[in-house]
PDB file of N, CA and C in Angstrom:
ATOM      1  N   UNK A   1      -2.967  -4.566  18.176  1.00  0.00           N
ATOM      2  CA  UNK A   1      -2.961  -5.739  17.319  1.00  0.00           C
ATOM      3  C   UNK A   1      -3.821  -5.508  16.072  1.00  0.00           C
ATOM      4  N   UNK A   2      -4.948  -4.837  16.250  1.00  0.00           N
ATOM      5  CA  UNK A   2      -5.815  -4.526  15.124  1.00  0.00           C
ATOM      6  C   UNK A   2      -5.113  -3.608  14.137  1.00  0.00           C
ATOM      7  N   UNK A   3      -4.343  -2.661  14.665  1.00  0.00           N
ATOM      8  CA  UNK A   3      -3.615  -1.719  13.820  1.00  0.00           C
ATOM      9  C   UNK A   3      -2.614  -2.458  12.932  1.00  0.00           C
ATOM     10  N   UNK A   4      -1.896  -3.405  13.510  1.00  0.00           N
ATOM     11  CA  UNK A   4      -0.921  -4.179  12.729  1.00  0.00           C
ATOM     12  C   UNK A   4      -1.612  -4.996  11.647  1.00  0.00           C
ATOM     13  N   UNK A   5      -2.779  -5.525  11.959  1.00  0.00           N
ATOM     14  CA  UNK A   5      -3.541  -6.284  10.973  1.00  0.00           C
ATOM     15  C   UNK A   5      -3.980  -5.426   9.799  1.00  0.00           C
ATOM     16  N   UNK A   6      -4.424  -4.207  10.094  1.00  0.00           N
ATOM     17  CA  UNK A   6      -4.830  -3.291   9.031  1.00  0.00           C
ATOM     18  C   UNK A   6      -3.640  -2.942   8.149  1.00  0.00           C
ATOM     19  N   UNK A   7      -2.495  -2.702   8.763  1.00  0.00           N
ATOM     20  CA  UNK A   7      -1.282  -2.384   8.000  1.00  0.00           C
ATOM     21  C   UNK A   7      -0.898  -3.560   7.099  1.00  0.00           C
ATOM     22  N   UNK A   8      -0.957  -4.765   7.623  1.00  0.00           N
ATOM     23  CA  UNK A   8      -0.617  -5.945   6.822  1.00  0.00           C
ATOM     24  C   UNK A   8      -1.594  -6.154   5.669  1.00  0.00           C
ATOM     25  N   UNK A   9      -2.871  -5.915   5.914  1.00  0.00           N
ATOM     26  CA  UNK A   9      -3.869  -6.048   4.849  1.00  0.00           C
ATOM     27  C   UNK A   9      -3.607  -5.018   3.753  1.00  0.00           C
ATOM     28  N   UNK A  10      -3.318  -3.780   4.144  1.00  0.00           N
ATOM     29  CA  UNK A  10      -3.013  -2.753   3.150  1.00  0.00           C
ATOM     30  C   UNK A  10      -1.766  -3.108   2.347  1.00  0.00           C
ATOM     31  N   UNK A  11      -0.735  -3.615   3.005  1.00  0.00           N
ATOM     32  CA  UNK A  11       0.469  -4.033   2.285  1.00  0.00           C
ATOM     33  C   UNK A  11       0.162  -5.159   1.299  1.00  0.00           C
ATOM     34  N   UNK A  12      -0.674  -6.101   1.707  1.00  0.00           N
ATOM     35  CA  UNK A  12      -1.068  -7.181   0.814  1.00  0.00           C
ATOM     36  C   UNK A  12      -1.853  -6.677  -0.387  1.00  0.00           C
ATOM     37  N   UNK A  13      -2.763  -5.726  -0.158  1.00  0.00           N
ATOM     38  CA  UNK A  13      -3.532  -5.148  -1.262  1.00  0.00           C
ATOM     39  C   UNK A  13      -2.640  -4.365  -2.218  1.00  0.00           C
ATOM     40  N   UNK A  14      -1.645  -3.667  -1.670  1.00  0.00           N
ATOM     41  CA  UNK A  14      -0.696  -2.933  -2.510  1.00  0.00           C
ATOM     42  C   UNK A  14       0.070  -3.914  -3.398  1.00  0.00           C
ATOM     43  N   UNK A  15       0.518  -5.014  -2.820  1.00  0.00           N
ATOM     44  CA  UNK A  15       1.249  -6.021  -3.590  1.00  0.00           C
ATOM     45  C   UNK A  15       0.363  -6.649  -4.667  1.00  0.00           C
ATOM     46  N   UNK A  16      -0.878  -6.964  -4.315  1.00  0.00           N
ATOM     47  CA  UNK A  16      -1.789  -7.552  -5.301  1.00  0.00           C
ATOM     48  C   UNK A  16      -2.074  -6.585  -6.443  1.00  0.00           C
ATOM     49  N   UNK A  17      -2.237  -5.323  -6.116  1.00  0.00           N
ATOM     50  CA  UNK A  17      -2.484  -4.329  -7.152  1.00  0.00           C
ATOM     51  C   UNK A  17      -1.279  -4.192  -8.081  1.00  0.00           C
ATOM     52  N   UNK A  18      -0.092  -4.236  -7.511  1.00  0.00           N
ATOM     53  CA  UNK A  18       1.116  -4.123  -8.321  1.00  0.00           C
ATOM     54  C   UNK A  18       1.281  -5.337  -9.240  1.00  0.00           C
ATOM     55  N   UNK A  19       1.031  -6.526  -8.723  1.00  0.00           N
ATOM     56  CA  UNK A  19       1.160  -7.718  -9.561  1.00  0.00           C
ATOM     57  C   UNK A  19       0.065  -7.778 -10.625  1.00  0.00           C
ATOM     58  N   UNK A  20      -1.144  -7.313 -10.303  1.00  0.00           N
ATOM     59  CA  UNK A  20      -2.189  -7.299 -11.331  1.00  0.00           C
ATOM     60  C   UNK A  20      -1.850  -6.280 -12.414  1.00  0.00           C
ATOM     61  N   UNK A  21      -1.244  -5.154 -12.047  1.00  0.00           N
ATOM     62  CA  UNK A  21      -0.828  -4.175 -13.056  1.00  0.00           C
ATOM     63  C   UNK A  21       0.211  -4.784 -13.991  1.00  0.00           C
ATOM     64  N   UNK A  22       1.119  -5.560 -13.440  1.00  0.00           N
ATOM     65  CA  UNK A  22       2.110  -6.228 -14.280  1.00  0.00           C
ATOM     66  C   UNK A  22       1.437  -7.219 -15.229  1.00  0.00           C
ATOM     67  N   UNK A  23       0.483  -7.971 -14.723  1.00  0.00           N
ATOM     68  CA  UNK A  23      -0.251  -8.913 -15.567  1.00  0.00           C
ATOM     69  C   UNK A  23      -1.019  -8.203 -16.670  1.00  0.00           C
ATOM     70  N   UNK A  24      -1.678  -7.089 -16.339  1.00  0.00           N
ATOM     71  CA  UNK A  24      -2.404  -6.322 -17.351  1.00  0.00           C
ATOM     72  C   UNK A  24      -1.448  -5.753 -18.386  1.00  0.00           C
ATOM     73  N   UNK A  25      -0.282  -5.308 -17.948  1.00  0.00           N
ATOM     74  CA  UNK A  25       0.697  -4.746 -18.873  1.00  0.00           C
ATOM     75  C   UNK A  25       1.168  -5.796 -19.869  1.00  0.00           C
ATOM     76  N   UNK A  26       1.399  -7.006 -19.380  1.00  0.00           N
ATOM     77  CA  UNK A  26       1.862  -8.081 -20.263  1.00  0.00           C
ATOM     78  C   UNK A  26       0.742  -8.514 -21.212  1.00  0.00           C
ATOM     79  N   UNK A  27      -0.486  -8.682 -20.695  1.00  0.00           N
ATOM     80  CA  UNK A  27      -1.594  -9.162 -21.525  1.00  0.00           C
ATOM     81  C   UNK A  27      -2.052  -8.131 -22.546  1.00  0.00           C
ATOM     82  N   UNK A  28      -2.155  -6.870 -22.122  1.00  0.00           N
ATOM     83  CA  UNK A  28      -2.676  -5.820 -23.009  1.00  0.00           C
ATOM     84  C   UNK A  28      -1.590  -5.188 -23.871  1.00  0.00           C
ATOM     85  N   UNK A  29      -0.354  -5.536 -23.625  1.00  0.00           N
ATOM     86  CA  UNK A  29       0.797  -4.983 -24.343  1.00  0.00           C
ATOM     87  C   UNK A  29       0.852  -3.455 -24.260  1.00  0.00           C
ATOM     88  N   UNK A  30       0.402  -2.925 -23.111  1.00  0.00           N
ATOM     89  CA  UNK A  30       0.486  -1.490 -22.868  1.00  0.00           C
ATOM     90  C   UNK A  30      -0.570  -0.667 -23.577  1.00  0.00           C
ATOM     91  N   UNK A  31      -1.573  -1.304 -24.189  1.00  0.00           N
ATOM     92  CA  UNK A  31      -2.573  -0.575 -24.958  1.00  0.00           C
ATOM     93  C   UNK A  31      -3.857  -0.293 -24.170  1.00  0.00           C
ATOM     94  N   UNK A  32      -4.096  -0.991 -23.078  1.00  0.00           N
ATOM     95  CA  UNK A  32      -5.331  -0.821 -22.331  1.00  0.00           C
ATOM     96  C   UNK A  32      -5.177   0.142 -21.175  1.00  0.00           C
ATOM     97  N   UNK A  33      -6.308   0.438 -20.550  1.00  0.00           N
ATOM     98  CA  UNK A  33      -6.303   1.325 -19.391  1.00  0.00           C
ATOM     99  C   UNK A  33      -6.281   0.569 -18.069  1.00  0.00           C
ATOM    100  N   UNK A  34      -6.344  -0.754 -18.113  1.00  0.00           N
ATOM    101  CA  UNK A  34      -6.372  -1.523 -16.866  1.00  0.00           C
ATOM    102  C   UNK A  34      -5.090  -1.367 -16.067  1.00  0.00           C
ATOM    103  N   UNK A  35      -3.972  -1.250 -16.740  1.00  0.00           N
ATOM    104  CA  UNK A  35      -2.691  -1.060 -16.048  1.00  0.00           C
ATOM    105  C   UNK A  35      -2.687   0.257 -15.294  1.00  0.00           C
ATOM    106  N   UNK A  36      -3.174   1.297 -15.931  1.00  0.00           N
ATOM    107  CA  UNK A  36      -3.215   2.618 -15.291  1.00  0.00           C
ATOM    108  C   UNK A  36      -4.132   2.599 -14.080  1.00  0.00           C
ATOM    109  N   UNK A  37      -5.281   1.948 -14.215  1.00  0.00           N
ATOM    110  CA  UNK A  37      -6.215   1.867 -13.077  1.00  0.00           C
ATOM    111  C   UNK A  37      -5.606   1.095 -11.913  1.00  0.00           C
ATOM    112  N   UNK A  38      -4.925  -0.006 -12.200  1.00  0.00           N
ATOM    113  CA  UNK A  38      -4.316  -0.802 -11.136  1.00  0.00           C
ATOM    114  C   UNK A  38      -3.200  -0.022 -10.445  1.00  0.00           C
ATOM    115  N   UNK A  39      -2.406   0.715 -11.208  1.00  0.00           N
ATOM    116  CA  UNK A  39      -1.333   1.503 -10.609  1.00  0.00           C
ATOM    117  C   UNK A  39      -1.890   2.696  -9.830  1.00  0.00           C
ATOM    118  N   UNK A  40      -2.987   3.272 -10.309  1.00  0.00           N
ATOM    119  CA  UNK A  40      -3.639   4.356  -9.571  1.00  0.00           C
ATOM    120  C   UNK A  40      -4.181   3.845  -8.244  1.00  0.00           C
ATOM    121  N   UNK A  41      -4.754   2.660  -8.259  1.00  0.00           N
ATOM    122  CA  UNK A  41      -5.227   2.045  -7.022  1.00  0.00           C
ATOM    123  C   UNK A  41      -4.066   1.800  -6.061  1.00  0.00           C
ATOM    124  N   UNK A  42      -2.938   1.345  -6.590  1.00  0.00           N
ATOM    125  CA  UNK A  42      -1.763   1.115  -5.745  1.00  0.00           C
ATOM    126  C   UNK A  42      -1.282   2.408  -5.112  1.00  0.00           C
ATOM    127  N   UNK A  43      -1.273   3.483  -5.866  1.00  0.00           N
ATOM    128  CA  UNK A  43      -0.844   4.764  -5.313  1.00  0.00           C
ATOM    129  C   UNK A  43      -1.810   5.214  -4.222  1.00  0.00           C
ATOM    130  N   UNK A  44      -3.097   5.058  -4.456  1.00  0.00           N
ATOM    131  CA  UNK A  44      -4.089   5.422  -3.445  1.00  0.00           C
ATOM    132  C   UNK A  44      -3.931   4.611  -2.169  1.00  0.00           C
ATOM    133  N   UNK A  45      -3.702   3.313  -2.312  1.00  0.00           N
ATOM    134  CA  UNK A  45      -3.491   2.458  -1.144  1.00  0.00           C
ATOM    135  C   UNK A  45      -2.205   2.829  -0.408  1.00  0.00           C
ATOM    136  N   UNK A  46      -1.172   3.184  -1.152  1.00  0.00           N
ATOM    137  CA  UNK A  46       0.090   3.573  -0.528  1.00  0.00           C
ATOM    138  C   UNK A  46      -0.057   4.873   0.258  1.00  0.00           C
ATOM    139  N   UNK A  47      -0.787   5.823  -0.304  1.00  0.00           N
ATOM    140  CA  UNK A  47      -1.032   7.090   0.402  1.00  0.00           C
ATOM    141  C   UNK A  47      -1.868   6.831   1.654  1.00  0.00           C
ATOM    142  N   UNK A  48      -2.868   5.961   1.544  1.00  0.00           N
ATOM    143  CA  UNK A  48      -3.690   5.623   2.711  1.00  0.00           C
ATOM    144  C   UNK A  48      -2.852   4.949   3.794  1.00  0.00           C
ATOM    145  N   UNK A  49      -1.951   4.067   3.394  1.00  0.00           N
ATOM    146  CA  UNK A  49      -1.083   3.407   4.370  1.00  0.00           C
ATOM    147  C   UNK A  49      -0.171   4.411   5.052  1.00  0.00           C
ATOM    148  N   UNK A  50       0.401   5.326   4.285  1.00  0.00           N
ATOM    149  CA  UNK A  50       1.273   6.350   4.850  1.00  0.00           C
ATOM    150  C   UNK A  50       0.505   7.219   5.837  1.00  0.00           C
ATOM    151  N   UNK A  51      -0.712   7.636   5.467  1.00  0.00           N
ATOM    152  CA  UNK A  51      -1.530   8.453   6.363  1.00  0.00           C
ATOM    153  C   UNK A  51      -1.886   7.679   7.625  1.00  0.00           C
ATOM    154  N   UNK A  52      -2.190   6.403   7.482  1.00  0.00           N
ATOM    155  CA  UNK A  52      -2.518   5.573   8.645  1.00  0.00           C
ATOM    156  C   UNK A  52      -1.319   5.432   9.580  1.00  0.00           C
ATOM    157  N   UNK A  53      -0.140   5.262   9.014  1.00  0.00           N
ATOM    158  CA  UNK A  53       1.066   5.158   9.835  1.00  0.00           C
ATOM    159  C   UNK A  53       1.355   6.470  10.558  1.00  0.00           C
ATOM    160  N   UNK A  54       1.179   7.588   9.878  1.00  0.00           N
ATOM    161  CA  UNK A  54       1.392   8.889  10.515  1.00  0.00           C
ATOM    162  C   UNK A  54       0.363   9.128  11.617  1.00  0.00           C
ATOM    163  N   UNK A  55      -0.887   8.726  11.386  1.00  0.00           N
ATOM    164  CA  UNK A  55      -1.924   8.852  12.398  1.00  0.00           C
ATOM    165  C   UNK A  55      -1.614   7.965  13.601  1.00  0.00           C
ATOM    166  N   UNK A  56      -1.147   6.768  13.351  1.00  0.00           N
ATOM    167  CA  UNK A  56      -0.780   5.865  14.435  1.00  0.00           C
ATOM    168  C   UNK A  56       0.381   6.390  15.254  1.00  0.00           C
ATOM    169  N   UNK A  57       1.336   7.011  14.594  1.00  0.00           N
ATOM    170  CA  UNK A  57       2.468   7.601  15.303  1.00  0.00           C
ATOM    171  C   UNK A  57       2.023   8.805  16.129  1.00  0.00           C
ATOM    172  N   UNK A  58       1.135   9.637  15.554  1.00  0.00           N
ATOM    173  CA  UNK A  58       0.674  10.835  16.247  1.00  0.00           C
ATOM    174  C   UNK A  58      -0.180  10.498  17.465  1.00  0.00           C
ATOM    175  N   UNK A  59      -0.949   9.421  17.389  1.00  0.00           N
ATOM    176  CA  UNK A  59      -1.823   9.057  18.505  1.00  0.00           C
ATOM    177  C   UNK A  59      -1.151   8.135  19.514  1.00  0.00           C
ATOM    178  N   UNK A  60       0.038   7.677  19.218  1.00  0.00           N
ATOM    179  CA  UNK A  60       0.755   6.824  20.158  1.00  0.00           C
ATOM    180  C   UNK A  60       0.547   5.348  19.960  1.00  0.00           C
ATOM    181  N   UNK A  61      -0.181   4.959  18.916  1.00  0.00           N
ATOM    182  CA  UNK A  61      -0.369   3.529  18.645  1.00  0.00           C
ATOM    183  C   UNK A  61       0.932   2.881  18.168  1.00  0.00           C
ATOM    184  N   UNK A  62       1.770   3.681  17.546  1.00  0.00           N
ATOM    185  CA  UNK A  62       3.076   3.209  17.077  1.00  0.00           C
ATOM    186  C   UNK A  62       4.131   3.999  17.828  1.00  0.00           C
ATOM    187  N   UNK A  63       5.050   3.291  18.445  1.00  0.00           N
ATOM    188  CA  UNK A  63       6.135   3.947  19.157  1.00  0.00           C
ATOM    189  C   UNK A  63       7.455   3.510  18.549  1.00  0.00           C
ATOM    190  N   UNK A  64       8.330   4.460  18.271  1.00  0.00           N
ATOM    191  CA  UNK A  64       9.640   4.074  17.742  1.00  0.00           C
ATOM    192  C   UNK A  64      10.438   3.331  18.803  1.00  0.00           C
ATOM    193  N   UNK A  65      11.210   2.379  18.366  1.00  0.00           N
ATOM    194  CA  UNK A  65      12.072   1.640  19.283  1.00  0.00           C
ATOM    195  C   UNK A  65      13.370   1.295  18.574  1.00  0.00           C
ATOM    196  N   UNK A  66      14.340   0.928  19.324  1.00  0.00           N
ATOM    197  CA  UNK A  66      15.613   0.552  18.754  1.00  0.00           C
ATOM    198  C   UNK A  66      16.539   1.730  18.542  1.00  0.00           C
ATOM    199  N   UNK A  67      16.120   2.908  18.925  1.00  0.00           N
ATOM    200  CA  UNK A  67      16.947   4.082  18.779  1.00  0.00           C
ATOM    201  C   UNK A  67      17.632   4.339  20.130  1.00  0.00           C
ATOM    202  N   UNK A  68      18.944   4.226  20.142  1.00  0.00           N
ATOM    203  CA  UNK A  68      19.668   4.461  21.389  1.00  0.00           C
ATOM    204  C   UNK A  68      20.532   5.711  21.238  1.00  0.00           C
ATOM    205  N   UNK A  69      20.512   6.563  22.237  1.00  0.00           N
ATOM    206  CA  UNK A  69      21.310   7.789  22.157  1.00  0.00           C
ATOM    207  C   UNK A  69      22.796   7.516  22.324  1.00  0.00           C
TER     208      UNK A  69
END
């Protein structure tokens, strides 16, 4: 249950970072560095989420289901 909560929090942070980058892009008209920083943060969070999911799969915290032979 804790693992699912961490995944949901990371997804929420990724979404917030993406929407803030859009807001910075509109306000700064593409001239500032805030958009780049927000998108860099989003990429970092996405990589962390991917690594966490792979770690969860490797340790057995996440099990695939719905696959029928």
